[in-house]
């Protein structure tokens, strides 16, 4: 089954939290990474089947704009990422994420 990676970066933590919540509630995806990108910028990365990641990204982008002061800075989806991209960048499935796949 083709797998995709989706990433949303927001200004402020509440937007990232709202995006992650909406994404996992909307589609069959797994949060694989969350972190602070730089001062005040946060990102959340998900993985799952291509069609599910596409749906989840749409819901996450919409939800991330709702909290007061939050703003979606950028987002991107990679369908079928090469193995070296998924392994080297912080978007590979981890042991901690395994129970939620």
PDB file of N, CA and C in Angstrom:
ATOM      1  N   UNK A   1       0.844  -1.167   0.000  1.00  0.00           N
ATOM      2  CA  UNK A   1       0.000   0.000   0.000  1.00  0.00           C
ATOM      3  C   UNK A   1       0.897   1.242   0.000  1.00  0.00           C
ATOM      4  N   UNK A   2       0.678   2.185  -0.923  1.00  0.00           N
ATOM      5  CA  UNK A   2       1.474   3.409  -0.970  1.00  0.00           C
ATOM      6  C   UNK A   2       1.261   4.246   0.286  1.00  0.00           C
ATOM      7  N   UNK A   3       2.358   4.720   0.851  1.00  0.00           N
ATOM      8  CA  UNK A   3       2.324   5.508   2.080  1.00  0.00           C
ATOM      9  C   UNK A   3       2.813   6.917   1.772  1.00  0.00           C
ATOM     10  N   UNK A   4       2.239   7.898   2.456  1.00  0.00           N
ATOM     11  CA  UNK A   4       2.635   9.296   2.274  1.00  0.00           C
ATOM     12  C   UNK A   4       3.078   9.897   3.600  1.00  0.00           C
ATOM     13  N   UNK A   5       3.770  11.025   3.501  1.00  0.00           N
ATOM     14  CA  UNK A   5       4.153  11.832   4.652  1.00  0.00           C
ATOM     15  C   UNK A   5       3.523  13.202   4.460  1.00  0.00           C
ATOM     16  N   UNK A   6       2.949  13.737   5.517  1.00  0.00           N
ATOM     17  CA  UNK A   6       2.395  15.084   5.477  1.00  0.00           C
ATOM     18  C   UNK A   6       2.914  15.893   6.644  1.00  0.00           C
ATOM     19  N   UNK A   7       3.244  17.161   6.406  1.00  0.00           N
ATOM     20  CA  UNK A   7       3.792  18.027   7.451  1.00  0.00           C
ATOM     21  C   UNK A   7       3.059  19.366   7.421  1.00  0.00           C
ATOM     22  N   UNK A   8       2.699  19.851   8.602  1.00  0.00           N
ATOM     23  CA  UNK A   8       2.102  21.181   8.741  1.00  0.00           C
ATOM     24  C   UNK A   8       2.926  21.956   9.761  1.00  0.00           C
ATOM     25  N   UNK A   9       3.336  23.174   9.394  1.00  0.00           N
ATOM     26  CA  UNK A   9       4.067  24.052  10.305  1.00  0.00           C
ATOM     27  C   UNK A   9       3.175  25.244  10.642  1.00  0.00           C
ATOM     28  N   UNK A  10       3.106  25.559  11.929  1.00  0.00           N
ATOM     29  CA  UNK A  10       2.252  26.660  12.371  1.00  0.00           C
ATOM     30  C   UNK A  10       3.032  27.650  13.214  1.00  0.00           C
ATOM     31  N   UNK A  11       2.455  28.816  13.347  1.00  0.00           N
ATOM     32  CA  UNK A  11       2.970  29.805  14.289  1.00  0.00           C
ATOM     33  C   UNK A  11       2.208  29.570  15.579  1.00  0.00           C
ATOM     34  N   UNK A  12       2.900  29.140  16.610  1.00  0.00           N
ATOM     35  CA  UNK A  12       2.279  28.880  17.902  1.00  0.00           C
ATOM     36  C   UNK A  12       1.867  27.428  18.072  1.00  0.00           C
ATOM     37  N   UNK A  13       1.955  26.964  19.303  1.00  0.00           N
ATOM     38  CA  UNK A  13       1.633  25.570  19.610  1.00  0.00           C
ATOM     39  C   UNK A  13       0.154  25.218  19.457  1.00  0.00           C
ATOM     40  N   UNK A  14      -0.788  26.081  19.843  1.00  0.00           N
ATOM     41  CA  UNK A  14      -2.191  25.695  19.745  1.00  0.00           C
ATOM     42  C   UNK A  14      -2.620  25.265  18.340  1.00  0.00           C
ATOM     43  N   UNK A  15      -2.103  25.901  17.319  1.00  0.00           N
ATOM     44  CA  UNK A  15      -2.433  25.509  15.954  1.00  0.00           C
ATOM     45  C   UNK A  15      -1.927  24.124  15.609  1.00  0.00           C
ATOM     46  N   UNK A  16      -0.730  23.791  16.082  1.00  0.00           N
ATOM     47  CA  UNK A  16      -0.171  22.468  15.841  1.00  0.00           C
ATOM     48  C   UNK A  16      -0.987  21.405  16.562  1.00  0.00           C
ATOM     49  N   UNK A  17      -1.380  21.701  17.789  1.00  0.00           N
ATOM     50  CA  UNK A  17      -2.214  20.768  18.547  1.00  0.00           C
ATOM     51  C   UNK A  17      -3.557  20.557  17.853  1.00  0.00           C
ATOM     52  N   UNK A  18      -4.172  21.647  17.406  1.00  0.00           N
ATOM     53  CA  UNK A  18      -5.457  21.546  16.704  1.00  0.00           C
ATOM     54  C   UNK A  18      -5.307  20.747  15.410  1.00  0.00           C
ATOM     55  N   UNK A  19      -4.215  20.974  14.678  1.00  0.00           N
ATOM     56  CA  UNK A  19      -3.983  20.248  13.423  1.00  0.00           C
ATOM     57  C   UNK A  19      -3.820  18.759  13.693  1.00  0.00           C
ATOM     58  N   UNK A  20      -2.994  18.399  14.672  1.00  0.00           N
ATOM     59  CA  UNK A  20      -2.760  16.988  14.987  1.00  0.00           C
ATOM     60  C   UNK A  20      -4.062  16.306  15.400  1.00  0.00           C
ATOM     61  N   UNK A  21      -4.832  16.966  16.237  1.00  0.00           N
ATOM     62  CA  UNK A  21      -6.099  16.417  16.691  1.00  0.00           C
ATOM     63  C   UNK A  21      -7.043  16.167  15.517  1.00  0.00           C
ATOM     64  N   UNK A  22      -7.186  17.162  14.658  1.00  0.00           N
ATOM     65  CA  UNK A  22      -8.091  17.023  13.506  1.00  0.00           C
ATOM     66  C   UNK A  22      -7.617  15.939  12.545  1.00  0.00           C
ATOM     67  N   UNK A  23      -6.313  15.845  12.341  1.00  0.00           N
ATOM     68  CA  UNK A  23      -5.790  14.868  11.382  1.00  0.00           C
ATOM     69  C   UNK A  23      -6.054  13.434  11.822  1.00  0.00           C
ATOM     70  N   UNK A  24      -5.790  13.139  13.093  1.00  0.00           N
ATOM     71  CA  UNK A  24      -5.986  11.752  13.536  1.00  0.00           C
ATOM     72  C   UNK A  24      -7.457  11.396  13.710  1.00  0.00           C
ATOM     73  N   UNK A  25      -8.308  12.409  13.896  1.00  0.00           N
ATOM     74  CA  UNK A  25      -9.739  12.152  14.005  1.00  0.00           C
ATOM     75  C   UNK A  25     -10.415  12.037  12.646  1.00  0.00           C
ATOM     76  N   UNK A  26      -9.827  12.626  11.620  1.00  0.00           N
ATOM     77  CA  UNK A  26     -10.419  12.654  10.289  1.00  0.00           C
ATOM     78  C   UNK A  26     -10.036  11.453   9.443  1.00  0.00           C
ATOM     79  N   UNK A  27      -8.821  10.964   9.609  1.00  0.00           N
ATOM     80  CA  UNK A  27      -8.321   9.921   8.708  1.00  0.00           C
ATOM     81  C   UNK A  27      -7.464   8.916   9.468  1.00  0.00           C
ATOM     82  N   UNK A  28      -7.193   7.814   8.804  1.00  0.00           N
ATOM     83  CA  UNK A  28      -6.388   6.733   9.377  1.00  0.00           C
ATOM     84  C   UNK A  28      -4.909   7.046   9.165  1.00  0.00           C
ATOM     85  N   UNK A  29      -4.377   7.952  10.014  1.00  0.00           N
ATOM     86  CA  UNK A  29      -2.980   8.365   9.931  1.00  0.00           C
ATOM     87  C   UNK A  29      -2.332   8.255  11.310  1.00  0.00           C
ATOM     88  N   UNK A  30      -1.012   8.286  11.319  1.00  0.00           N
ATOM     89  CA  UNK A  30      -0.249   8.207  12.558  1.00  0.00           C
ATOM     90  C   UNK A  30       0.634   9.439  12.675  1.00  0.00           C
ATOM     91  N   UNK A  31       0.601  10.103  13.826  1.00  0.00           N
ATOM     92  CA  UNK A  31       1.532  11.201  14.087  1.00  0.00           C
ATOM     93  C   UNK A  31       2.899  10.557  14.336  1.00  0.00           C
ATOM     94  N   UNK A  32       3.886  10.937  13.534  1.00  0.00           N
ATOM     95  CA  UNK A  32       5.219  10.337  13.667  1.00  0.00           C
ATOM     96  C   UNK A  32       6.242  11.303  14.233  1.00  0.00           C
ATOM     97  N   UNK A  33       5.944  12.608  14.205  1.00  0.00           N
ATOM     98  CA  UNK A  33       6.899  13.577  14.728  1.00  0.00           C
ATOM     99  C   UNK A  33       6.176  14.870  15.051  1.00  0.00           C
ATOM    100  N   UNK A  34       6.612  15.506  16.111  1.00  0.00           N
ATOM    101  CA  UNK A  34       6.148  16.837  16.479  1.00  0.00           C
ATOM    102  C   UNK A  34       7.354  17.529  17.087  1.00  0.00           C
ATOM    103  N   UNK A  35       7.559  18.785  16.772  1.00  0.00           N
ATOM    104  CA  UNK A  35       8.690  19.493  17.354  1.00  0.00           C
ATOM    105  C   UNK A  35       8.553  20.986  17.135  1.00  0.00           C
ATOM    106  N   UNK A  36       9.438  21.704  17.796  1.00  0.00           N
ATOM    107  CA  UNK A  36       9.530  23.145  17.562  1.00  0.00           C
ATOM    108  C   UNK A  36      10.505  23.339  16.409  1.00  0.00           C
ATOM    109  N   UNK A  37      10.087  24.083  15.396  1.00  0.00           N
ATOM    110  CA  UNK A  37      10.943  24.319  14.236  1.00  0.00           C
ATOM    111  C   UNK A  37      11.910  25.470  14.517  1.00  0.00           C
ATOM    112  N   UNK A  38      11.434  26.508  15.131  1.00  0.00           N
ATOM    113  CA  UNK A  38      12.242  27.644  15.564  1.00  0.00           C
ATOM    114  C   UNK A  38      11.372  28.484  16.480  1.00  0.00           C
ATOM    115  N   UNK A  39      11.832  29.622  16.866  1.00  0.00           N
ATOM    116  CA  UNK A  39      11.122  30.444  17.833  1.00  0.00           C
ATOM    117  C   UNK A  39       9.652  30.654  17.454  1.00  0.00           C
ATOM    118  N   UNK A  40       8.773  30.026  18.203  1.00  0.00           N
ATOM    119  CA  UNK A  40       7.344  30.184  17.982  1.00  0.00           C
ATOM    120  C   UNK A  40       6.768  29.353  16.855  1.00  0.00           C
ATOM    121  N   UNK A  41       7.587  28.662  16.106  1.00  0.00           N
ATOM    122  CA  UNK A  41       7.112  27.825  15.010  1.00  0.00           C
ATOM    123  C   UNK A  41       7.159  26.365  15.443  1.00  0.00           C
ATOM    124  N   UNK A  42       6.085  25.641  15.163  1.00  0.00           N
ATOM    125  CA  UNK A  42       6.007  24.230  15.499  1.00  0.00           C
ATOM    126  C   UNK A  42       5.552  23.459  14.275  1.00  0.00           C
ATOM    127  N   UNK A  43       5.874  22.166  14.244  1.00  0.00           N
ATOM    128  CA  UNK A  43       5.380  21.356  13.137  1.00  0.00           C
ATOM    129  C   UNK A  43       4.923  20.003  13.637  1.00  0.00           C
ATOM    130  N   UNK A  44       4.048  19.379  12.868  1.00  0.00           N
ATOM    131  CA  UNK A  44       3.584  18.032  13.143  1.00  0.00           C
ATOM    132  C   UNK A  44       3.659  17.266  11.830  1.00  0.00           C
ATOM    133  N   UNK A  45       4.159  16.031  11.895  1.00  0.00           N
ATOM    134  CA  UNK A  45       4.281  15.180  10.709  1.00  0.00           C
ATOM    135  C   UNK A  45       3.441  13.930  10.904  1.00  0.00           C
ATOM    136  N   UNK A  46       2.763  13.513   9.839  1.00  0.00           N
ATOM    137  CA  UNK A  46       1.933  12.308   9.873  1.00  0.00           C
ATOM    138  C   UNK A  46       2.332  11.379   8.745  1.00  0.00           C
ATOM    139  N   UNK A  47       1.963  10.107   8.900  1.00  0.00           N
ATOM    140  CA  UNK A  47       2.157   9.123   7.834  1.00  0.00           C
ATOM    141  C   UNK A  47       0.916   8.253   7.754  1.00  0.00           C
ATOM    142  N   UNK A  48       0.713   7.703   6.577  1.00  0.00           N
ATOM    143  CA  UNK A  48      -0.412   6.810   6.354  1.00  0.00           C
ATOM    144  C   UNK A  48      -0.627   6.618   4.870  1.00  0.00           C
ATOM    145  N   UNK A  49      -1.683   5.912   4.502  1.00  0.00           N
ATOM    146  CA  UNK A  49      -1.997   5.742   3.087  1.00  0.00           C
ATOM    147  C   UNK A  49      -2.178   7.106   2.413  1.00  0.00           C
ATOM    148  N   UNK A  50      -1.785   7.200   1.161  1.00  0.00           N
ATOM    149  CA  UNK A  50      -1.801   8.474   0.433  1.00  0.00           C
ATOM    150  C   UNK A  50      -3.159   9.176   0.525  1.00  0.00           C
ATOM    151  N   UNK A  51      -4.245   8.474   0.247  1.00  0.00           N
ATOM    152  CA  UNK A  51      -5.569   9.103   0.272  1.00  0.00           C
ATOM    153  C   UNK A  51      -5.944   9.576   1.677  1.00  0.00           C
ATOM    154  N   UNK A  52      -5.518   8.843   2.697  1.00  0.00           N
ATOM    155  CA  UNK A  52      -5.822   9.225   4.085  1.00  0.00           C
ATOM    156  C   UNK A  52      -5.018  10.452   4.501  1.00  0.00           C
ATOM    157  N   UNK A  53      -3.747  10.505   4.098  1.00  0.00           N
ATOM    158  CA  UNK A  53      -2.916  11.667   4.434  1.00  0.00           C
ATOM    159  C   UNK A  53      -3.472  12.912   3.747  1.00  0.00           C
ATOM    160  N   UNK A  54      -3.925  12.766   2.528  1.00  0.00           N
ATOM    161  CA  UNK A  54      -4.506  13.911   1.803  1.00  0.00           C
ATOM    162  C   UNK A  54      -5.721  14.464   2.561  1.00  0.00           C
ATOM    163  N   UNK A  55      -6.622  13.583   2.981  1.00  0.00           N
ATOM    164  CA  UNK A  55      -7.796  14.008   3.762  1.00  0.00           C
ATOM    165  C   UNK A  55      -7.380  14.636   5.082  1.00  0.00           C
ATOM    166  N   UNK A  56      -6.432  13.999   5.758  1.00  0.00           N
ATOM    167  CA  UNK A  56      -5.977  14.488   7.064  1.00  0.00           C
ATOM    168  C   UNK A  56      -5.331  15.862   6.943  1.00  0.00           C
ATOM    169  N   UNK A  57      -4.547  16.081   5.905  1.00  0.00           N
ATOM    170  CA  UNK A  57      -3.890  17.369   5.714  1.00  0.00           C
ATOM    171  C   UNK A  57      -4.931  18.483   5.519  1.00  0.00           C
ATOM    172  N   UNK A  58      -5.949  18.222   4.729  1.00  0.00           N
ATOM    173  CA  UNK A  58      -7.002  19.223   4.510  1.00  0.00           C
ATOM    174  C   UNK A  58      -7.663  19.602   5.836  1.00  0.00           C
ATOM    175  N   UNK A  59      -7.984  18.603   6.640  1.00  0.00           N
ATOM    176  CA  UNK A  59      -8.620  18.861   7.941  1.00  0.00           C
ATOM    177  C   UNK A  59      -7.655  19.563   8.895  1.00  0.00           C
ATOM    178  N   UNK A  60      -6.390  19.163   8.880  1.00  0.00           N
ATOM    179  CA  UNK A  60      -5.395  19.761   9.768  1.00  0.00           C
ATOM    180  C   UNK A  60      -5.132  21.218   9.451  1.00  0.00           C
ATOM    181  N   UNK A  61      -5.051  21.545   8.172  1.00  0.00           N
ATOM    182  CA  UNK A  61      -4.820  22.934   7.758  1.00  0.00           C
ATOM    183  C   UNK A  61      -5.989  23.814   8.202  1.00  0.00           C
ATOM    184  N   UNK A  62      -7.192  23.329   7.993  1.00  0.00           N
ATOM    185  CA  UNK A  62      -8.382  24.087   8.400  1.00  0.00           C
ATOM    186  C   UNK A  62      -8.411  24.278   9.917  1.00  0.00           C
ATOM    187  N   UNK A  63      -8.132  23.224  10.663  1.00  0.00           N
ATOM    188  CA  UNK A  63      -8.183  23.295  12.128  1.00  0.00           C
ATOM    189  C   UNK A  63      -7.082  24.182  12.702  1.00  0.00           C
ATOM    190  N   UNK A  64      -5.919  24.187  12.081  1.00  0.00           N
ATOM    191  CA  UNK A  64      -4.786  24.960  12.601  1.00  0.00           C
ATOM    192  C   UNK A  64      -5.013  26.459  12.523  1.00  0.00           C
ATOM    193  N   UNK A  65      -5.900  26.893  11.658  1.00  0.00           N
ATOM    194  CA  UNK A  65      -6.192  28.331  11.521  1.00  0.00           C
ATOM    195  C   UNK A  65      -7.189  28.830  12.568  1.00  0.00           C
ATOM    196  N   UNK A  66      -7.857  27.924  13.278  1.00  0.00           N
ATOM    197  CA  UNK A  66      -8.929  28.326  14.193  1.00  0.00           C
ATOM    198  C   UNK A  66      -8.470  28.919  15.527  1.00  0.00           C
ATOM    199  N   UNK A  67      -7.437  28.381  16.194  1.00  0.00           N
ATOM    200  CA  UNK A  67      -7.058  28.971  17.479  1.00  0.00           C
ATOM    201  C   UNK A  67      -6.619  30.427  17.321  1.00  0.00           C
ATOM    202  N   UNK A  68      -6.957  31.238  18.306  1.00  0.00           N
ATOM    203  CA  UNK A  68      -6.615  32.657  18.281  1.00  0.00           C
ATOM    204  C   UNK A  68      -5.105  32.833  18.113  1.00  0.00           C
ATOM    205  N   UNK A  69      -4.707  33.622  17.140  1.00  0.00           N
ATOM    206  CA  UNK A  69      -3.296  33.927  16.923  1.00  0.00           C
ATOM    207  C   UNK A  69      -2.528  32.884  16.144  1.00  0.00           C
ATOM    208  N   UNK A  70      -3.135  31.751  15.874  1.00  0.00           N
ATOM    209  CA  UNK A  70      -2.442  30.694  15.141  1.00  0.00           C
ATOM    210  C   UNK A  70      -2.486  30.978  13.651  1.00  0.00           C
ATOM    211  N   UNK A  71      -1.463  30.507  12.977  1.00  0.00           N
ATOM    212  CA  UNK A  71      -1.365  30.713  11.530  1.00  0.00           C
ATOM    213  C   UNK A  71      -0.622  29.526  10.926  1.00  0.00           C
ATOM    214  N   UNK A  72      -1.131  29.010   9.822  1.00  0.00           N
ATOM    215  CA  UNK A  72      -0.411  27.965   9.092  1.00  0.00           C
ATOM    216  C   UNK A  72       0.669  28.657   8.285  1.00  0.00           C
ATOM    217  N   UNK A  73       1.926  28.298   8.557  1.00  0.00           N
ATOM    218  CA  UNK A  73       3.046  28.913   7.854  1.00  0.00           C
ATOM    219  C   UNK A  73       3.343  28.185   6.550  1.00  0.00           C
ATOM    220  N   UNK A  74       3.311  26.865   6.610  1.00  0.00           N
ATOM    221  CA  UNK A  74       3.564  26.065   5.416  1.00  0.00           C
ATOM    222  C   UNK A  74       3.076  24.646   5.655  1.00  0.00           C
ATOM    223  N   UNK A  75       2.900  23.926   4.570  1.00  0.00           N
ATOM    224  CA  UNK A  75       2.510  22.519   4.655  1.00  0.00           C
ATOM    225  C   UNK A  75       2.976  21.827   3.390  1.00  0.00           C
ATOM    226  N   UNK A  76       3.151  20.516   3.494  1.00  0.00           N
ATOM    227  CA  UNK A  76       3.608  19.757   2.332  1.00  0.00           C
ATOM    228  C   UNK A  76       3.274  18.285   2.519  1.00  0.00           C
ATOM    229  N   UNK A  77       2.999  17.621   1.420  1.00  0.00           N
ATOM    230  CA  UNK A  77       2.721  16.183   1.438  1.00  0.00           C
ATOM    231  C   UNK A  77       3.616  15.505   0.398  1.00  0.00           C
ATOM    232  N   UNK A  78       4.233  14.406   0.785  1.00  0.00           N
ATOM    233  CA  UNK A  78       5.064  13.629  -0.137  1.00  0.00           C
ATOM    234  C   UNK A  78       4.459  12.244  -0.274  1.00  0.00           C
ATOM    235  N   UNK A  79       3.849  11.928  -1.422  1.00  0.00           N
ATOM    236  CA  UNK A  79       3.364  10.570  -1.630  1.00  0.00           C
ATOM    237  C   UNK A  79       4.541   9.645  -1.935  1.00  0.00           C
ATOM    238  N   UNK A  80       4.542   8.490  -1.325  1.00  0.00           N
ATOM    239  CA  UNK A  80       5.571   7.475  -1.560  1.00  0.00           C
ATOM    240  C   UNK A  80       7.000   8.013  -1.412  1.00  0.00           C
ATOM    241  N   UNK A  81       7.366   8.518  -0.239  1.00  0.00           N
ATOM    242  CA  UNK A  81       8.722   9.054  -0.083  1.00  0.00           C
ATOM    243  C   UNK A  81       9.759   7.938  -0.213  1.00  0.00           C
ATOM    244  N   UNK A  82      10.919   8.231  -0.811  1.00  0.00           N
ATOM    245  CA  UNK A  82      11.974   7.229  -0.893  1.00  0.00           C
ATOM    246  C   UNK A  82      12.402   6.796   0.508  1.00  0.00           C
ATOM    247  N   UNK A  83      12.847   5.579   0.632  1.00  0.00           N
ATOM    248  CA  UNK A  83      13.214   5.026   1.940  1.00  0.00           C
ATOM    249  C   UNK A  83      14.258   5.877   2.641  1.00  0.00           C
ATOM    250  N   UNK A  84      15.245   6.399   1.900  1.00  0.00           N
ATOM    251  CA  UNK A  84      16.281   7.197   2.555  1.00  0.00           C
ATOM    252  C   UNK A  84      15.730   8.508   3.112  1.00  0.00           C
ATOM    253  N   UNK A  85      14.725   9.093   2.484  1.00  0.00           N
ATOM    254  CA  UNK A  85      14.113  10.317   3.009  1.00  0.00           C
ATOM    255  C   UNK A  85      13.371  10.010   4.305  1.00  0.00           C
ATOM    256  N   UNK A  86      12.593   8.952   4.299  1.00  0.00           N
ATOM    257  CA  UNK A  86      11.804   8.592   5.481  1.00  0.00           C
ATOM    258  C   UNK A  86      12.690   8.179   6.649  1.00  0.00           C
ATOM    259  N   UNK A  87      13.827   7.585   6.386  1.00  0.00           N
ATOM    260  CA  UNK A  87      14.702   7.114   7.447  1.00  0.00           C
ATOM    261  C   UNK A  87      15.578   8.227   8.003  1.00  0.00           C
ATOM    262  N   UNK A  88      16.107   9.077   7.148  1.00  0.00           N
ATOM    263  CA  UNK A  88      17.038  10.118   7.584  1.00  0.00           C
ATOM    264  C   UNK A  88      16.310  11.294   8.233  1.00  0.00           C
ATOM    265  N   UNK A  89      15.213  11.730   7.644  1.00  0.00           N
ATOM    266  CA  UNK A  89      14.456  12.839   8.234  1.00  0.00           C
ATOM    267  C   UNK A  89      13.558  12.304   9.354  1.00  0.00           C
ATOM    268  N   UNK A  90      13.108  13.161  10.260  1.00  0.00           N
ATOM    269  CA  UNK A  90      12.309  12.687  11.397  1.00  0.00           C
ATOM    270  C   UNK A  90      10.857  12.401  11.026  1.00  0.00           C
ATOM    271  N   UNK A  91      10.633  11.556  10.002  1.00  0.00           N
ATOM    272  CA  UNK A  91       9.269  11.238   9.577  1.00  0.00           C
ATOM    273  C   UNK A  91       9.041   9.736   9.460  1.00  0.00           C
ATOM    274  N   UNK A  92       9.964   8.933   9.968  1.00  0.00           N
ATOM    275  CA  UNK A  92       9.805   7.483   9.913  1.00  0.00           C
ATOM    276  C   UNK A  92       8.976   7.013  11.106  1.00  0.00           C
ATOM    277  N   UNK A  93       8.312   5.880  10.946  1.00  0.00           N
ATOM    278  CA  UNK A  93       7.581   5.301  12.074  1.00  0.00           C
ATOM    279  C   UNK A  93       8.582   4.952  13.173  1.00  0.00           C
ATOM    280  N   UNK A  94       8.215   5.203  14.416  1.00  0.00           N
ATOM    281  CA  UNK A  94       9.072   4.887  15.549  1.00  0.00           C
ATOM    282  C   UNK A  94       8.391   3.834  16.411  1.00  0.00           C
ATOM    283  N   UNK A  95       9.138   3.298  17.362  1.00  0.00           N
ATOM    284  CA  UNK A  95       8.555   2.318  18.289  1.00  0.00           C
ATOM    285  C   UNK A  95       7.408   2.953  19.071  1.00  0.00           C
ATOM    286  N   UNK A  96       7.567   4.216  19.450  1.00  0.00           N
ATOM    287  CA  UNK A  96       6.529   4.898  20.225  1.00  0.00           C
ATOM    288  C   UNK A  96       5.228   5.055  19.419  1.00  0.00           C
ATOM    289  N   UNK A  97       5.356   5.230  18.100  1.00  0.00           N
ATOM    290  CA  UNK A  97       4.178   5.428  17.252  1.00  0.00           C
ATOM    291  C   UNK A  97       3.564   4.111  16.801  1.00  0.00           C
ATOM    292  N   UNK A  98       4.289   3.023  16.920  1.00  0.00           N
ATOM    293  CA  UNK A  98       3.846   1.723  16.400  1.00  0.00           C
ATOM    294  C   UNK A  98       2.455   1.284  16.904  1.00  0.00           C
ATOM    295  N   UNK A  99       2.135   1.448  18.189  1.00  0.00           N
ATOM    296  CA  UNK A  99       0.809   1.006  18.649  1.00  0.00           C
ATOM    297  C   UNK A  99      -0.361   1.745  17.981  1.00  0.00           C
ATOM    298  N   UNK A 100      -0.084   2.896  17.388  1.00  0.00           N
ATOM    299  CA  UNK A 100      -1.153   3.711  16.806  1.00  0.00           C
ATOM    300  C   UNK A 100      -1.291   3.549  15.299  1.00  0.00           C
ATOM    301  N   UNK A 101      -0.499   2.696  14.699  1.00  0.00           N
ATOM    302  CA  UNK A 101      -0.560   2.475  13.245  1.00  0.00           C
ATOM    303  C   UNK A 101      -1.789   1.724  12.868  1.00  0.00           C
TER     304      UNK A 101
END
